[in-house]
Protein backbone atom coordinates (compact mmCIF):
# COMPACT_ATOMS: atom_id res chain seq x y z
CA MET A 1 78.47 67.59 121.28
CA HIS A 2 77.23 71.09 120.31
CA ARG A 3 80.41 72.43 118.72
CA ASN A 4 78.70 73.74 115.59
CA TYR A 5 76.20 75.87 117.49
CA ARG A 6 76.73 79.52 118.29
CA TYR A 7 74.94 80.87 121.32
CA SER A 8 74.01 84.48 121.95
CA ALA A 9 71.76 86.49 124.23
CA TYR A 10 69.84 89.66 123.37
CA PHE A 11 68.33 92.09 125.83
CA THR A 12 65.80 94.44 124.28
CA ASN A 13 62.60 96.27 125.06
CA ASN A 14 61.15 95.43 121.62
CA GLU A 15 58.05 93.29 121.63
CA PHE A 16 59.02 91.34 118.50
CA ALA A 17 59.19 87.58 118.27
CA ALA A 18 62.55 86.09 119.25
CA THR A 19 63.42 85.17 115.65
CA ASP A 20 62.65 88.71 114.45
CA VAL A 21 64.90 90.20 117.15
CA TRP A 22 67.66 87.78 116.15
CA ARG A 23 67.33 88.71 112.43
CA MET A 24 67.36 92.42 113.21
CA TYR A 25 70.51 92.24 115.34
CA ARG A 26 72.24 89.87 112.92
CA GLN A 27 71.98 92.55 110.22
CA ARG A 28 73.46 95.12 112.59
CA GLY A 29 76.42 92.84 113.22
CA ASP A 30 77.11 92.69 109.51
CA ALA A 31 77.05 96.50 109.39
CA GLU A 32 80.06 96.48 111.73
CA ASN A 33 81.95 94.40 109.16
CA ARG A 34 81.11 96.94 106.45
CA ILE A 35 82.34 99.82 108.63
CA LYS A 36 85.57 97.92 109.32
CA GLU A 37 86.05 97.34 105.59
CA LEU A 38 85.43 101.03 104.83
CA LYS A 39 88.10 101.98 107.35
CA ALA A 40 90.68 99.42 106.24
CA ASP A 41 90.24 99.35 102.45
CA PHE A 42 88.63 102.65 101.47
CA GLY A 43 90.45 105.07 103.76
CA ALA A 44 87.34 106.11 105.68
CA GLU A 45 89.34 106.34 108.90
CA SER A 46 91.39 109.28 107.61
CA LEU A 47 88.65 111.30 105.93
CA SER A 48 88.84 114.28 108.26
CA LEU A 49 89.59 117.26 106.03
CA LYS A 50 89.68 120.96 106.93
CA GLY A 51 86.15 121.80 105.85
CA PHE A 52 82.87 120.03 106.47
CA TYR A 53 81.85 119.96 102.81
CA ALA A 54 85.24 118.60 101.73
CA THR A 55 84.93 115.80 104.28
CA GLU A 56 81.37 115.11 103.15
CA ALA A 57 82.46 114.95 99.48
CA ALA A 58 85.33 112.58 100.32
CA LEU A 59 82.95 110.34 102.27
CA ILE A 60 80.43 110.32 99.41
CA PHE A 61 83.13 109.32 96.90
CA SER A 62 84.35 106.63 99.28
CA MET A 63 80.80 105.26 99.58
CA ILE A 64 80.34 105.33 95.79
CA ALA A 65 83.58 103.34 95.39
CA TYR A 66 82.41 100.88 98.03
CA ASN A 67 79.03 100.44 96.32
CA LEU A 68 80.65 99.92 92.91
CA MET A 69 82.95 97.26 94.37
CA SER A 70 79.96 95.61 96.04
CA ILE A 71 78.14 95.46 92.71
CA PHE A 72 81.29 94.03 91.09
CA ARG A 73 81.54 91.37 93.81
CA ILE A 74 77.88 90.36 93.57
CA PHE A 75 77.23 90.43 89.83
CA VAL A 76 80.62 89.74 88.25
CA LEU A 77 82.53 87.57 90.70
CA GLN A 78 79.49 85.64 91.98
CA GLU A 79 81.45 83.92 94.75
CA LYS A 80 79.99 82.42 97.89
CA THR A 81 82.32 84.39 100.16
CA GLN A 82 82.73 88.13 99.81
CA LYS A 83 86.39 89.11 99.39
CA THR A 84 87.76 92.37 100.77
CA LEU A 85 89.03 95.12 98.49
CA THR A 86 92.63 94.24 99.37
CA THR A 87 92.09 90.66 98.18
CA LEU A 88 90.30 91.83 95.02
CA ARG A 89 93.08 94.29 94.30
CA TYR A 90 95.70 91.54 94.25
CA ARG A 91 93.55 88.88 92.56
CA THR A 92 91.85 91.01 89.92
CA PHE A 93 93.29 94.49 89.44
CA ALA A 94 97.03 94.34 90.23
CA ILE A 95 98.08 91.99 87.45
CA GLY A 96 101.16 92.50 85.31
CA ALA A 97 100.47 92.95 81.61
CA TYR A 98 101.93 94.37 78.41
CA PHE A 99 100.79 95.15 74.87
CA GLU A 100 102.10 93.24 71.87
CA LYS A 101 101.60 94.35 68.30
CA VAL A 102 100.17 91.52 66.19
CA GLY A 103 99.77 92.65 62.60
CA ASP A 104 98.09 96.03 62.81
CA THR A 105 96.32 95.42 66.13
CA LEU A 106 97.46 95.60 69.73
CA LYS A 107 97.01 92.51 71.87
CA LEU A 108 97.02 92.68 75.66
CA LYS A 109 99.15 89.96 77.25
CA ILE A 110 98.22 89.36 80.89
CA ALA A 111 100.65 87.59 83.23
CA LEU A 112 98.52 84.92 84.91
CA THR A 113 99.28 81.39 85.95
CA LYS A 114 97.30 78.67 84.19
CA LYS A 115 95.35 78.07 87.38
CA ARG A 116 94.07 81.67 87.45
CA ARG A 117 93.48 82.11 83.69
CA LYS A 118 90.21 80.18 83.63
CA TRP A 119 88.88 82.18 86.59
CA PHE A 120 89.95 85.49 85.04
CA ARG A 121 88.41 84.67 81.65
CA GLY A 122 85.19 83.74 83.43
CA LEU A 123 84.89 87.36 84.61
CA TRP A 124 84.27 88.44 81.03
CA ASP A 125 81.83 85.65 80.19
CA TYR A 126 79.08 87.04 82.40
CA PRO A 127 76.34 88.60 80.22
CA ILE A 128 75.62 92.14 81.34
CA ASP A 129 72.74 94.20 79.98
CA LEU A 130 73.88 97.80 80.29
CA GLN A 131 70.74 99.51 79.10
CA MET A 132 70.55 102.57 81.31
CA LYS A 133 68.06 105.37 81.26
CA ILE A 134 69.60 108.80 81.68
CA SER A 135 67.41 111.62 82.86
CA THR A 136 68.23 115.26 82.22
CA ALA A 137 65.59 116.49 84.65
């Protein structure tokens, strides 16, 4: 009868409304998924280096990579479900290709099945306005 419902209980000393408590803890649950993805796909589990500053720098670069991939997922892929980095690596980045000289220009030949070609071409159809302001201050 109620198979599509998901039940949960929250114990808290906050005096928020029940829906606000639920929204707050729902966001925390998603944070656990992000931490799991950082460990599995971005090597955050093995970031312990000899020095504190080296570890901090490695973590910062890992977070920058994660944020760039998040932007790529949201603005370029525009899919309903968020794919992990491992899935993106095999679907988008790890694709066989070679250059072919046509006349006096090089043409990139990408090895994709017909089913995936339309999806891959769609990645480049998204209009991106890259006007950035750079500050030297």
